[in-house]
Amino acid sequence: MGNRGVIHADDGSHQREWQVRRWIACRLEFKGRRRAVRQPRRWTELFFLDEATALAAGHRPCAECRREDYRRWQAAWPGEDAHADAMDLVLHADRLDGKAKRTYDARLGELPDGVMVERGGAAFLVAGGALHAWTAAGYGAAEAADPGERVSVLTPACTVAAIARGYAVSVHPSAS
């Protein structure tokens, strides 16, 4: 589950894409906490298929409910300062180009497992030298991936670097 601040209006309608720089990915269950979804003037819950999808959207692990993942993230962070505020500044610059999603081109062979890419207008997970088509219900069967093929990378560059430096990404079971 992700958090970008309060992005819905009091009537529940979608108001904006983000409110704060701190985009985190949380556990669905933590210490028995319960809350009503889309409460007025409260942060808006965003639900992702898996961590790979949340990371591609520009989120990072939560330091409270995903403490171990957050520590692994910090250890793999490519920058000198791995404090939340510093990481969030870099992530924010890497995930948005103004108000639009920032992407960049790369060769498939240069990307680590757990990264999401766009190919032919569709999103794919890079895993095990293959591509898996993303859907809201899970990933499709593995498709051959030419390491020299250029694709548009959906996962922010600093996140790709953290993954390449050893951050292991959780993926939906349909990718295996």
C-alpha atoms as a PDB file:
ATOM      1  CA  MET A   1       0.000   0.000   0.000  1.00  0.00           C
ATOM      2  CA  GLY A   2       1.360   3.412  -0.856  1.00  0.00           C
ATOM      3  CA  ASN A   3       1.022   6.884   0.566  1.00  0.00           C
ATOM      4  CA  ARG A   4       1.513  10.211  -1.250  1.00  0.00           C
ATOM      5  CA  GLY A   5      -0.421  12.363   1.210  1.00  0.00           C
ATOM      6  CA  VAL A   6      -4.034  13.509   0.813  1.00  0.00           C
ATOM      7  CA  ILE A   7      -4.791  13.164  -2.895  1.00  0.00           C
ATOM      8  CA  HIS A   8      -8.589  12.933  -2.748  1.00  0.00           C
ATOM      9  CA  ALA A   9     -11.216  15.580  -2.013  1.00  0.00           C
ATOM     10  CA  ASP A  10     -13.644  15.342   0.917  1.00  0.00           C
ATOM     11  CA  ASP A  11     -16.236  13.777  -1.393  1.00  0.00           C
ATOM     12  CA  GLY A  12     -13.758  10.966  -2.229  1.00  0.00           C
ATOM     13  CA  SER A  13     -13.010  12.150  -5.770  1.00  0.00           C
ATOM     14  CA  HIS A  14      -9.436  12.162  -7.074  1.00  0.00           C
ATOM     15  CA  GLN A  15      -7.943  15.633  -6.530  1.00  0.00           C
ATOM     16  CA  ARG A  16      -4.195  15.419  -7.320  1.00  0.00           C
ATOM     17  CA  GLU A  17      -1.429  12.890  -7.988  1.00  0.00           C
ATOM     18  CA  TRP A  18       0.604  13.690  -4.892  1.00  0.00           C
ATOM     19  CA  GLN A  19       0.774  16.102  -1.969  1.00  0.00           C
ATOM     20  CA  VAL A  20       4.088  15.306  -0.255  1.00  0.00           C
ATOM     21  CA  ARG A  21       7.554  14.201  -1.395  1.00  0.00           C
ATOM     22  CA  ARG A  22       7.583  11.237   0.974  1.00  0.00           C
ATOM     23  CA  TRP A  23       6.050   8.466  -1.158  1.00  0.00           C
ATOM     24  CA  ILE A  24       6.242   5.307   0.914  1.00  0.00           C
ATOM     25  CA  ALA A  25       5.179   1.702   0.410  1.00  0.00           C
ATOM     26  CA  CYS A  26       3.639   0.154   3.526  1.00  0.00           C
ATOM     27  CA  ARG A  27       2.490  -3.265   4.695  1.00  0.00           C
ATOM     28  CA  LEU A  28      -1.200  -3.965   4.369  1.00  0.00           C
ATOM     29  CA  GLU A  29      -1.226  -5.195   7.972  1.00  0.00           C
ATOM     30  CA  PHE A  30       0.791  -3.738  10.832  1.00  0.00           C
ATOM     31  CA  LYS A  31       0.230  -4.022  14.592  1.00  0.00           C
ATOM     32  CA  GLY A  32      -3.494  -4.652  14.077  1.00  0.00           C
ATOM     33  CA  ARG A  33      -4.132  -1.110  12.903  1.00  0.00           C
ATOM     34  CA  ARG A  34      -7.419  -0.554  11.083  1.00  0.00           C
ATOM     35  CA  ARG A  35      -8.642   2.479   9.188  1.00  0.00           C
ATOM     36  CA  ALA A  36     -11.446   3.373   6.841  1.00  0.00           C
ATOM     37  CA  VAL A  37     -10.269   3.910   3.261  1.00  0.00           C
ATOM     38  CA  ARG A  38     -10.337   7.437   1.749  1.00  0.00           C
ATOM     39  CA  GLN A  39     -11.198   9.307   4.922  1.00  0.00           C
ATOM     40  CA  PRO A  40     -11.705  13.068   4.426  1.00  0.00           C
ATOM     41  CA  ARG A  41      -8.514  15.078   5.102  1.00  0.00           C
ATOM     42  CA  ARG A  42      -6.470  11.906   5.759  1.00  0.00           C
ATOM     43  CA  TRP A  43      -3.773  10.362   3.571  1.00  0.00           C
ATOM     44  CA  THR A  44      -5.026   8.415   0.580  1.00  0.00           C
ATOM     45  CA  GLU A  45      -4.315   4.702   0.389  1.00  0.00           C
ATOM     46  CA  LEU A  46      -2.858   3.507  -2.924  1.00  0.00           C
ATOM     47  CA  PHE A  47      -2.810  -0.241  -3.554  1.00  0.00           C
ATOM     48  CA  PHE A  48      -0.116  -1.922  -5.661  1.00  0.00           C
ATOM     49  CA  LEU A  49       0.192  -5.433  -7.070  1.00  0.00           C
ATOM     50  CA  ASP A  50       3.591  -5.852  -5.422  1.00  0.00           C
ATOM     51  CA  GLU A  51       6.724  -4.032  -4.341  1.00  0.00           C
ATOM     52  CA  ALA A  52       8.121  -3.926  -7.896  1.00  0.00           C
ATOM     53  CA  THR A  53       5.033  -1.958  -8.961  1.00  0.00           C
ATOM     54  CA  ALA A  54       5.250   0.394  -5.959  1.00  0.00           C
ATOM     55  CA  LEU A  55       8.953   1.038  -6.610  1.00  0.00           C
ATOM     56  CA  ALA A  56       8.260   1.712 -10.303  1.00  0.00           C
ATOM     57  CA  ALA A  57       5.640   4.266  -9.235  1.00  0.00           C
ATOM     58  CA  GLY A  58       8.348   6.059  -7.242  1.00  0.00           C
ATOM     59  CA  HIS A  59       7.725   4.786  -3.714  1.00  0.00           C
ATOM     60  CA  ARG A  60      10.290   3.439  -1.222  1.00  0.00           C
ATOM     61  CA  PRO A  61       9.905   1.128   1.799  1.00  0.00           C
ATOM     62  CA  CYS A  62       8.293   2.649   4.896  1.00  0.00           C
ATOM     63  CA  ALA A  63      10.698   3.110   7.824  1.00  0.00           C
ATOM     64  CA  GLU A  64       8.053   2.163  10.395  1.00  0.00           C
ATOM     65  CA  CYS A  65       6.041  -0.826   9.193  1.00  0.00           C
ATOM     66  CA  ARG A  66       8.759  -2.209   6.891  1.00  0.00           C
ATOM     67  CA  ARG A  67      11.792  -1.422   9.052  1.00  0.00           C
ATOM     68  CA  GLU A  68      13.959  -4.337   7.827  1.00  0.00           C
ATOM     69  CA  ASP A  69      13.218  -3.540   4.167  1.00  0.00           C
ATOM     70  CA  TYR A  70      13.925   0.141   4.847  1.00  0.00           C
ATOM     71  CA  ARG A  71      17.318  -0.718   6.374  1.00  0.00           C
ATOM     72  CA  ARG A  72      18.160  -2.913   3.345  1.00  0.00           C
ATOM     73  CA  TRP A  73      17.071   0.003   1.113  1.00  0.00           C
ATOM     74  CA  GLN A  74      19.331   2.419   2.989  1.00  0.00           C
ATOM     75  CA  ALA A  75      22.268  -0.007   2.699  1.00  0.00           C
ATOM     76  CA  ALA A  76      21.773  -0.230  -1.082  1.00  0.00           C
ATOM     77  CA  TRP A  77      21.052   3.482  -1.606  1.00  0.00           C
ATOM     78  CA  PRO A  78      23.418   4.898  -4.260  1.00  0.00           C
ATOM     79  CA  GLY A  79      23.765   8.356  -2.689  1.00  0.00           C
ATOM     80  CA  GLU A  80      26.001   9.491   0.158  1.00  0.00           C
ATOM     81  CA  ASP A  81      23.097  10.493   2.430  1.00  0.00           C
ATOM     82  CA  ALA A  82      20.679   7.641   3.169  1.00  0.00           C
ATOM     83  CA  HIS A  83      18.420   9.539   5.568  1.00  0.00           C
ATOM     84  CA  ALA A  84      14.739   9.620   4.595  1.00  0.00           C
ATOM     85  CA  ASP A  85      14.608  13.330   3.717  1.00  0.00           C
ATOM     86  CA  ALA A  86      17.701  13.145   1.497  1.00  0.00           C
ATOM     87  CA  MET A  87      16.506   9.978  -0.266  1.00  0.00           C
ATOM     88  CA  ASP A  88      13.044  11.461  -0.808  1.00  0.00           C
ATOM     89  CA  LEU A  89      14.526  14.556  -2.468  1.00  0.00           C
ATOM     90  CA  VAL A  90      16.442  12.392  -4.946  1.00  0.00           C
ATOM     91  CA  LEU A  91      13.484  10.066  -5.516  1.00  0.00           C
ATOM     92  CA  HIS A  92      11.160  13.005  -6.125  1.00  0.00           C
ATOM     93  CA  ALA A  93      13.466  14.426  -8.798  1.00  0.00           C
ATOM     94  CA  ASP A  94      13.862  10.997 -10.431  1.00  0.00           C
ATOM     95  CA  ARG A  95      10.164  10.083 -10.501  1.00  0.00           C
ATOM     96  CA  LEU A  96       8.678  13.296 -11.896  1.00  0.00           C
ATOM     97  CA  ASP A  97       9.436  15.529 -14.854  1.00  0.00           C
ATOM     98  CA  GLY A  98       7.344  18.491 -13.772  1.00  0.00           C
ATOM     99  CA  LYS A  99       3.992  16.822 -13.149  1.00  0.00           C
ATOM    100  CA  ALA A 100       4.534  13.906 -15.546  1.00  0.00           C
ATOM    101  CA  LYS A 101       6.274  10.605 -14.827  1.00  0.00           C
ATOM    102  CA  ARG A 102       9.988  10.722 -15.603  1.00  0.00           C
ATOM    103  CA  THR A 103      11.296   7.776 -17.622  1.00  0.00           C
ATOM    104  CA  TYR A 104      14.551   7.087 -19.422  1.00  0.00           C
ATOM    105  CA  ASP A 105      15.815   4.689 -22.082  1.00  0.00           C
ATOM    106  CA  ALA A 106      18.158   1.778 -21.348  1.00  0.00           C
ATOM    107  CA  ARG A 107      19.138  -1.587 -22.792  1.00  0.00           C
ATOM    108  CA  LEU A 108      17.402  -4.548 -21.158  1.00  0.00           C
ATOM    109  CA  GLY A 109      20.747  -6.200 -20.451  1.00  0.00           C
ATOM    110  CA  GLU A 110      21.732  -3.230 -18.262  1.00  0.00           C
ATOM    111  CA  LEU A 111      18.727  -3.575 -15.933  1.00  0.00           C
ATOM    112  CA  PRO A 112      18.528  -5.695 -12.763  1.00  0.00           C
ATOM    113  CA  ASP A 113      15.649  -8.012 -11.885  1.00  0.00           C
ATOM    114  CA  GLY A 114      12.735  -6.205 -10.244  1.00  0.00           C
ATOM    115  CA  VAL A 115      12.723  -3.185 -12.564  1.00  0.00           C
ATOM    116  CA  MET A 116       9.621  -2.239 -14.557  1.00  0.00           C
ATOM    117  CA  VAL A 117       9.875  -1.142 -18.180  1.00  0.00           C
ATOM    118  CA  GLU A 118       7.560  -0.041 -20.956  1.00  0.00           C
ATOM    119  CA  ARG A 119       7.629  -1.879 -24.257  1.00  0.00           C
ATOM    120  CA  GLY A 120       5.074  -1.325 -27.005  1.00  0.00           C
ATOM    121  CA  GLY A 121       2.869   0.757 -24.707  1.00  0.00           C
ATOM    122  CA  ALA A 122       2.636  -1.949 -22.009  1.00  0.00           C
ATOM    123  CA  ALA A 123       4.400  -2.380 -18.668  1.00  0.00           C
ATOM    124  CA  PHE A 124       6.708  -5.353 -18.041  1.00  0.00           C
ATOM    125  CA  LEU A 125       8.711  -6.691 -15.112  1.00  0.00           C
ATOM    126  CA  VAL A 126      12.350  -7.612 -15.788  1.00  0.00           C
ATOM    127  CA  ALA A 127      13.020 -10.974 -14.102  1.00  0.00           C
ATOM    128  CA  GLY A 128      15.430 -13.789 -14.810  1.00  0.00           C
ATOM    129  CA  GLY A 129      16.497 -12.436 -18.183  1.00  0.00           C
ATOM    130  CA  ALA A 130      12.889 -12.325 -19.373  1.00  0.00           C
ATOM    131  CA  LEU A 131       9.993  -9.892 -19.434  1.00  0.00           C
ATOM    132  CA  HIS A 132       6.653 -10.510 -17.707  1.00  0.00           C
ATOM    133  CA  ALA A 133       3.669  -8.425 -18.823  1.00  0.00           C
ATOM    134  CA  TRP A 134       2.113  -6.529 -15.904  1.00  0.00           C
ATOM    135  CA  THR A 135      -1.635  -6.565 -15.211  1.00  0.00           C
ATOM    136  CA  ALA A 136      -3.554  -5.524 -12.112  1.00  0.00           C
ATOM    137  CA  ALA A 137      -4.195  -9.232 -11.439  1.00  0.00           C
ATOM    138  CA  GLY A 138      -0.598 -10.427 -11.861  1.00  0.00           C
ATOM    139  CA  TYR A 139       2.158 -11.003 -14.380  1.00  0.00           C
ATOM    140  CA  GLY A 140       1.959 -12.842 -17.678  1.00  0.00           C
ATOM    141  CA  ALA A 141       4.195 -15.679 -18.827  1.00  0.00           C
ATOM    142  CA  ALA A 142       7.872 -14.976 -19.407  1.00  0.00           C
ATOM    143  CA  GLU A 143       8.713 -13.470 -22.792  1.00  0.00           C
ATOM    144  CA  ALA A 144      12.173 -13.562 -24.294  1.00  0.00           C
ATOM    145  CA  ALA A 145      14.173 -10.394 -23.744  1.00  0.00           C
ATOM    146  CA  ASP A 146      16.959  -9.336 -26.092  1.00  0.00           C
ATOM    147  CA  PRO A 147      19.647  -7.793 -23.832  1.00  0.00           C
ATOM    148  CA  GLY A 148      20.375  -5.204 -26.549  1.00  0.00           C
ATOM    149  CA  GLU A 149      16.763  -4.051 -26.882  1.00  0.00           C
ATOM    150  CA  ARG A 150      16.173  -0.465 -25.773  1.00  0.00           C
ATOM    151  CA  VAL A 151      13.159   0.117 -23.561  1.00  0.00           C
ATOM    152  CA  SER A 152      11.674   2.965 -21.564  1.00  0.00           C
ATOM    153  CA  VAL A 153      12.434   2.399 -17.871  1.00  0.00           C
ATOM    154  CA  LEU A 154       9.483   3.098 -15.558  1.00  0.00           C
ATOM    155  CA  THR A 155      11.368   2.542 -12.289  1.00  0.00           C
ATOM    156  CA  PRO A 156      13.173   5.742 -11.174  1.00  0.00           C
ATOM    157  CA  ALA A 157      16.923   5.771 -11.911  1.00  0.00           C
ATOM    158  CA  CYS A 158      17.972   5.985  -8.239  1.00  0.00           C
ATOM    159  CA  THR A 159      15.735   3.004  -7.445  1.00  0.00           C
ATOM    160  CA  VAL A 160      17.256   1.018 -10.321  1.00  0.00           C
ATOM    161  CA  ALA A 161      20.668   1.853  -8.838  1.00  0.00           C
ATOM    162  CA  ALA A 162      19.573   0.665  -5.356  1.00  0.00           C
ATOM    163  CA  ILE A 163      18.304  -2.596  -6.855  1.00  0.00           C
ATOM    164  CA  ALA A 164      21.557  -3.035  -8.796  1.00  0.00           C
ATOM    165  CA  ARG A 165      23.446  -2.464  -5.520  1.00  0.00           C
ATOM    166  CA  GLY A 166      21.637  -5.395  -3.897  1.00  0.00           C
ATOM    167  CA  TYR A 167      18.153  -4.334  -2.814  1.00  0.00           C
ATOM    168  CA  ALA A 168      16.042  -7.480  -3.424  1.00  0.00           C
ATOM    169  CA  VAL A 169      12.568  -6.576  -4.709  1.00  0.00           C
ATOM    170  CA  SER A 170       9.465  -8.562  -3.706  1.00  0.00           C
ATOM    171  CA  VAL A 171       7.358  -9.565  -6.689  1.00  0.00           C
ATOM    172  CA  HIS A 172       3.918 -11.102  -7.050  1.00  0.00           C
ATOM    173  CA  PRO A 173       4.014 -14.952  -7.195  1.00  0.00           C
ATOM    174  CA  SER A 174       2.677 -14.885 -10.751  1.00  0.00           C
ATOM    175  CA  ALA A 175       6.139 -13.741 -11.920  1.00  0.00           C
ATOM    176  CA  SER A 176       7.721 -17.085 -11.002  1.00  0.00           C
END
